Amino acid sequence: MHPDQFVSIRNMLYGMPASYIGKTVQVRSTRTFIELFHQHLAVRRDAIPSSRTAYLADDFPAHAETFKP
């Protein structure tokens, strides 16, 4: 995961909790959903967004507001 807390998959950005920065995540996707795993444990399941990004605001600490797209 990138330092800005996003993983880029097929030109889309998916936000993750800060604790995953620098870690490798696995991805499984269908036409409508994307699932993100770390060490084979599910971390996030999101619908494929109509915009370019998907994230939960609670994943970003107040000082990281500028990283949000």
Protein backbone atom coordinates (compact mmCIF):
# COMPACT_ATOMS: atom_id res chain seq x y z
CA MET A 1 0.00 0.00 0.00
CA HIS A 2 1.23 3.47 -0.85
CA PRO A 3 2.14 6.13 1.77
CA ASP A 4 -1.03 8.07 0.91
CA GLN A 5 -3.12 5.11 2.20
CA PHE A 6 -4.41 4.14 -1.23
CA VAL A 7 -4.02 1.05 -3.36
CA SER A 8 -4.29 1.58 -7.11
CA ILE A 9 -6.16 -1.15 -8.98
CA ARG A 10 -7.22 -0.77 -12.62
CA ASN A 11 -6.95 3.04 -12.46
CA MET A 12 -9.12 3.16 -9.34
CA LEU A 13 -7.98 4.13 -5.84
CA TYR A 14 -9.08 2.23 -2.75
CA GLY A 15 -8.35 3.64 0.70
CA MET A 16 -7.07 1.45 3.50
CA PRO A 17 -6.33 2.01 7.20
CA ALA A 18 -2.95 3.65 7.89
CA SER A 19 -1.66 0.50 9.59
CA TYR A 20 -1.32 -1.11 6.13
CA ILE A 21 1.06 1.51 4.68
CA GLY A 22 4.01 -0.25 3.08
CA LYS A 23 2.40 -3.68 3.29
CA THR A 24 1.46 -5.95 0.42
CA VAL A 25 -2.23 -6.63 -0.08
CA GLN A 26 -3.93 -9.22 -2.26
CA VAL A 27 -6.88 -8.33 -4.47
CA ARG A 28 -9.89 -10.30 -5.64
CA SER A 29 -12.42 -8.60 -7.87
CA THR A 30 -15.62 -9.26 -9.75
CA ARG A 31 -17.57 -6.95 -12.02
CA THR A 32 -19.24 -5.28 -9.04
CA PHE A 33 -17.04 -5.79 -5.96
CA ILE A 34 -13.41 -5.64 -4.96
CA GLU A 35 -11.96 -7.40 -1.92
CA LEU A 36 -8.62 -6.51 -0.32
CA PHE A 37 -6.73 -8.97 1.85
CA HIS A 38 -3.58 -8.82 3.97
CA GLN A 39 -1.95 -12.13 4.88
CA HIS A 40 -5.07 -13.90 3.58
CA LEU A 41 -7.38 -12.03 5.98
CA ALA A 42 -10.11 -9.82 4.50
CA VAL A 43 -9.51 -6.14 5.22
CA ARG A 44 -12.03 -4.43 2.96
CA ARG A 45 -14.85 -5.27 0.58
CA ASP A 46 -16.11 -2.42 -1.54
CA ALA A 47 -18.50 -2.00 -4.40
CA ILE A 48 -16.68 -0.81 -7.50
CA PRO A 49 -17.24 2.95 -7.25
CA SER A 50 -18.68 5.07 -10.04
CA SER A 51 -16.04 7.68 -9.20
CA ARG A 52 -12.30 6.98 -9.27
CA THR A 53 -11.94 6.46 -5.49
CA ALA A 54 -13.43 4.48 -2.62
CA TYR A 55 -12.45 5.03 1.01
CA LEU A 56 -13.82 5.34 4.52
CA ALA A 57 -13.25 8.75 6.09
CA ASP A 58 -12.52 7.11 9.45
CA ASP A 59 -9.39 5.47 7.94
CA PHE A 60 -7.71 8.88 7.67
CA PRO A 61 -6.48 10.71 10.77
CA ALA A 62 -7.24 14.44 10.96
CA HIS A 63 -3.68 15.38 9.92
CA ALA A 64 -4.09 13.31 6.72
CA GLU A 65 -7.06 15.25 5.35
CA THR A 66 -4.91 16.58 2.52
CA PHE A 67 -4.32 13.03 1.21
CA LYS A 68 -7.99 12.45 0.51
CA PRO A 69 -8.86 12.81 -3.18
